[in-house]
Amino acid sequence: MRGLLGRTGLPPTEALLLERTRSIHTFGMRFPIAVVLLDRKLRVLAVKRLVPRRVLLPRPRVRHLLECHTGVRLRSGDVLEEG
């Protein structure tokens, strides 16, 4: 899976959900992203900002990751809806 690699940016209205993924890297990316760490019920555990050439290592309880624009307004405890 390539994810956002090769893209020049990410619009604020788009995101990429990586199911059953606990870690990512931003090597080869051209822009910073926000990474939303989600548990199995899609509850936000944390939001981390990653610049290019970084690694997000696996964390306890994380089951999915959401790659977003850095201006995302999600906080710990928020729950995403499937749809």
N, C-alpha and C. Protein backbone atom coordinates (compact mmCIF):
# COMPACT_ATOMS: atom_id res chain seq x y z
N MET A 1 0.84 -1.18 0.00
CA MET A 1 0.00 0.00 0.00
C MET A 1 0.88 1.24 0.00
N ARG A 2 0.52 2.21 -0.81
CA ARG A 2 1.30 3.43 -0.92
C ARG A 2 0.80 4.55 -0.03
N GLY A 3 -0.45 4.51 0.37
CA GLY A 3 -0.97 5.58 1.20
C GLY A 3 -0.91 6.92 0.49
N LEU A 4 -0.31 7.91 1.13
CA LEU A 4 -0.24 9.25 0.57
C LEU A 4 1.09 9.53 -0.15
N LEU A 5 1.96 8.53 -0.23
CA LEU A 5 3.25 8.72 -0.90
C LEU A 5 3.04 9.15 -2.35
N GLY A 6 3.83 10.10 -2.79
CA GLY A 6 3.76 10.56 -4.16
C GLY A 6 2.79 11.70 -4.40
N ARG A 7 1.93 11.99 -3.43
CA ARG A 7 1.00 13.11 -3.57
C ARG A 7 1.70 14.40 -3.16
N THR A 8 1.19 15.51 -3.65
CA THR A 8 1.79 16.81 -3.34
C THR A 8 1.11 17.51 -2.17
N GLY A 9 -0.01 16.96 -1.71
CA GLY A 9 -0.72 17.56 -0.58
C GLY A 9 -1.96 16.75 -0.26
N LEU A 10 -2.64 17.18 0.78
CA LEU A 10 -3.87 16.53 1.21
C LEU A 10 -4.89 17.61 1.54
N PRO A 11 -6.00 17.67 0.78
CA PRO A 11 -7.02 18.68 1.08
C PRO A 11 -7.60 18.47 2.48
N PRO A 12 -8.04 19.56 3.13
CA PRO A 12 -8.58 19.46 4.49
C PRO A 12 -9.83 18.58 4.58
N THR A 13 -10.51 18.34 3.47
CA THR A 13 -11.74 17.55 3.48
C THR A 13 -11.51 16.06 3.20
N GLU A 14 -10.25 15.65 3.05
CA GLU A 14 -9.94 14.26 2.75
C GLU A 14 -9.07 13.64 3.82
N ALA A 15 -9.16 12.33 3.96
CA ALA A 15 -8.32 11.59 4.90
C ALA A 15 -8.20 10.15 4.37
N LEU A 16 -7.23 9.43 4.90
CA LEU A 16 -7.02 8.05 4.51
C LEU A 16 -7.04 7.18 5.76
N LEU A 17 -8.02 6.27 5.85
CA LEU A 17 -8.12 5.36 6.98
C LEU A 17 -7.32 4.11 6.67
N LEU A 18 -6.37 3.80 7.54
CA LEU A 18 -5.56 2.59 7.39
C LEU A 18 -6.03 1.60 8.47
N GLU A 19 -6.87 0.68 8.05
CA GLU A 19 -7.42 -0.29 8.99
C GLU A 19 -6.37 -1.33 9.37
N ARG A 20 -6.43 -1.78 10.62
CA ARG A 20 -5.51 -2.78 11.15
C ARG A 20 -4.05 -2.40 10.90
N THR A 21 -3.76 -1.13 11.13
CA THR A 21 -2.41 -0.60 10.99
C THR A 21 -2.04 0.11 12.28
N ARG A 22 -0.85 -0.16 12.79
CA ARG A 22 -0.45 0.42 14.07
C ARG A 22 0.74 1.36 13.96
N SER A 23 1.41 1.36 12.81
CA SER A 23 2.56 2.25 12.64
C SER A 23 2.66 2.68 11.19
N ILE A 24 3.30 3.83 10.96
CA ILE A 24 3.51 4.33 9.60
C ILE A 24 4.84 5.07 9.55
N HIS A 25 5.23 5.41 8.33
CA HIS A 25 6.40 6.27 8.14
C HIS A 25 6.04 7.34 7.13
N THR A 26 6.81 8.42 7.13
CA THR A 26 6.57 9.50 6.17
C THR A 26 7.78 9.70 5.26
N PHE A 27 8.60 8.66 5.10
CA PHE A 27 9.72 8.74 4.16
C PHE A 27 9.16 8.83 2.75
N GLY A 28 9.62 9.78 1.97
CA GLY A 28 9.14 9.98 0.61
C GLY A 28 7.94 10.91 0.51
N MET A 29 7.42 11.35 1.64
CA MET A 29 6.29 12.29 1.60
C MET A 29 6.82 13.71 1.44
N ARG A 30 5.99 14.56 0.88
CA ARG A 30 6.40 15.94 0.57
C ARG A 30 5.76 16.98 1.48
N PHE A 31 4.95 16.54 2.44
CA PHE A 31 4.21 17.48 3.28
C PHE A 31 3.93 16.83 4.63
N PRO A 32 3.72 17.64 5.67
CA PRO A 32 3.39 17.09 6.99
C PRO A 32 1.94 16.61 7.02
N ILE A 33 1.66 15.67 7.91
CA ILE A 33 0.29 15.17 8.07
C ILE A 33 -0.03 15.05 9.57
N ALA A 34 -1.30 14.97 9.86
CA ALA A 34 -1.75 14.61 11.20
C ALA A 34 -2.13 13.14 11.14
N VAL A 35 -1.73 12.40 12.15
CA VAL A 35 -2.07 10.98 12.23
C VAL A 35 -2.95 10.79 13.46
N VAL A 36 -4.15 10.29 13.24
CA VAL A 36 -5.10 10.06 14.32
C VAL A 36 -5.00 8.58 14.69
N LEU A 37 -4.66 8.31 15.94
CA LEU A 37 -4.54 6.95 16.45
C LEU A 37 -5.89 6.52 17.00
N LEU A 38 -6.41 5.41 16.49
CA LEU A 38 -7.76 4.95 16.83
C LEU A 38 -7.73 3.57 17.48
N ASP A 39 -8.67 3.34 18.39
CA ASP A 39 -8.79 2.00 18.98
C ASP A 39 -9.76 1.18 18.12
N ARG A 40 -10.10 -0.02 18.58
CA ARG A 40 -10.95 -0.92 17.78
C ARG A 40 -12.37 -0.39 17.59
N LYS A 41 -12.82 0.54 18.44
CA LYS A 41 -14.16 1.13 18.30
C LYS A 41 -14.11 2.48 17.61
N LEU A 42 -13.00 2.80 16.97
CA LEU A 42 -12.76 4.06 16.25
C LEU A 42 -12.78 5.27 17.19
N ARG A 43 -12.40 5.06 18.42
CA ARG A 43 -12.26 6.15 19.40
C ARG A 43 -10.86 6.73 19.26
N VAL A 44 -10.76 8.05 19.24
CA VAL A 44 -9.47 8.72 19.10
C VAL A 44 -8.67 8.57 20.40
N LEU A 45 -7.49 7.99 20.27
CA LEU A 45 -6.59 7.85 21.41
C LEU A 45 -5.62 9.03 21.47
N ALA A 46 -5.20 9.51 20.31
CA ALA A 46 -4.26 10.63 20.24
C ALA A 46 -4.20 11.14 18.81
N VAL A 47 -3.71 12.36 18.64
CA VAL A 47 -3.45 12.93 17.33
C VAL A 47 -2.01 13.39 17.32
N LYS A 48 -1.23 12.90 16.37
CA LYS A 48 0.19 13.24 16.27
C LYS A 48 0.46 13.92 14.95
N ARG A 49 1.31 14.91 14.97
CA ARG A 49 1.73 15.59 13.74
C ARG A 49 3.06 15.00 13.30
N LEU A 50 3.12 14.55 12.04
CA LEU A 50 4.35 13.97 11.51
C LEU A 50 4.83 14.77 10.31
N VAL A 51 6.07 15.16 10.34
CA VAL A 51 6.70 15.81 9.20
C VAL A 51 7.35 14.73 8.35
N PRO A 52 7.75 15.05 7.12
CA PRO A 52 8.41 14.04 6.28
C PRO A 52 9.65 13.45 6.95
N ARG A 53 9.92 12.20 6.59
CA ARG A 53 11.08 11.43 7.07
C ARG A 53 11.01 11.08 8.55
N ARG A 54 9.82 10.73 9.03
CA ARG A 54 9.63 10.32 10.42
C ARG A 54 8.92 8.97 10.48
N VAL A 55 8.97 8.34 11.64
CA VAL A 55 8.32 7.05 11.87
C VAL A 55 7.42 7.17 13.09
N LEU A 56 6.23 6.63 12.99
CA LEU A 56 5.33 6.51 14.13
C LEU A 56 5.34 5.03 14.51
N LEU A 57 5.91 4.72 15.67
CA LEU A 57 6.02 3.34 16.13
C LEU A 57 4.69 2.86 16.71
N PRO A 58 4.48 1.55 16.74
CA PRO A 58 3.24 1.01 17.31
C PRO A 58 3.05 1.45 18.76
N ARG A 59 1.79 1.66 19.13
CA ARG A 59 1.44 2.08 20.48
C ARG A 59 0.38 1.13 21.04
N PRO A 60 0.34 0.96 22.36
CA PRO A 60 -0.68 0.09 22.95
C PRO A 60 -2.09 0.56 22.60
N ARG A 61 -2.98 -0.39 22.37
CA ARG A 61 -4.42 -0.18 22.09
C ARG A 61 -4.72 0.39 20.72
N VAL A 62 -3.73 0.81 19.94
CA VAL A 62 -3.99 1.36 18.60
C VAL A 62 -4.30 0.22 17.64
N ARG A 63 -5.41 0.35 16.91
CA ARG A 63 -5.82 -0.67 15.93
C ARG A 63 -5.89 -0.12 14.51
N HIS A 64 -6.14 1.19 14.39
CA HIS A 64 -6.28 1.81 13.07
C HIS A 64 -5.63 3.19 13.12
N LEU A 65 -5.25 3.69 11.93
CA LEU A 65 -4.68 5.04 11.83
C LEU A 65 -5.44 5.81 10.76
N LEU A 66 -5.60 7.09 10.99
CA LEU A 66 -6.24 7.98 10.02
C LEU A 66 -5.24 9.06 9.67
N GLU A 67 -4.83 9.11 8.40
CA GLU A 67 -3.91 10.15 7.94
C GLU A 67 -4.75 11.33 7.45
N CYS A 68 -4.49 12.51 8.01
CA CYS A 68 -5.32 13.69 7.75
C CYS A 68 -4.46 14.93 7.49
N HIS A 69 -5.15 15.98 7.08
CA HIS A 69 -4.56 17.31 6.97
C HIS A 69 -4.16 17.76 8.38
N THR A 70 -3.11 18.53 8.50
CA THR A 70 -2.61 18.94 9.82
C THR A 70 -3.60 19.80 10.61
N GLY A 71 -4.61 20.34 9.96
CA GLY A 71 -5.59 21.18 10.65
C GLY A 71 -6.79 20.41 11.19
N VAL A 72 -6.70 19.09 11.24
CA VAL A 72 -7.83 18.28 11.69
C VAL A 72 -8.23 18.66 13.11
N ARG A 73 -9.55 18.64 13.36
CA ARG A 73 -10.06 19.05 14.69
C ARG A 73 -10.61 17.84 15.44
N LEU A 74 -9.79 16.87 15.65
CA LEU A 74 -10.16 15.70 16.44
C LEU A 74 -9.33 15.70 17.71
N ARG A 75 -9.93 15.21 18.79
CA ARG A 75 -9.24 15.16 20.09
C ARG A 75 -9.42 13.79 20.71
N SER A 76 -8.60 13.48 21.67
CA SER A 76 -8.71 12.23 22.41
C SER A 76 -10.13 12.10 22.96
N GLY A 77 -10.71 10.92 22.78
CA GLY A 77 -12.06 10.67 23.25
C GLY A 77 -13.13 10.79 22.18
N ASP A 78 -12.87 11.54 21.10
CA ASP A 78 -13.83 11.63 20.00
C ASP A 78 -14.01 10.24 19.40
N VAL A 79 -15.17 9.97 18.84
CA VAL A 79 -15.44 8.68 18.19
C VAL A 79 -15.87 8.93 16.75
N LEU A 80 -15.23 8.23 15.81
CA LEU A 80 -15.59 8.35 14.40
C LEU A 80 -16.76 7.42 14.11
N GLU A 81 -17.60 7.82 13.19
CA GLU A 81 -18.73 7.00 12.76
C GLU A 81 -18.40 6.33 11.45
N GLU A 82 -18.76 5.06 11.33
CA GLU A 82 -18.60 4.37 10.05
C GLU A 82 -19.73 4.80 9.14
N GLY A 83 -19.39 4.95 7.87
CA GLY A 83 -20.45 5.38 6.99
C GLY A 83 -20.11 5.37 5.61
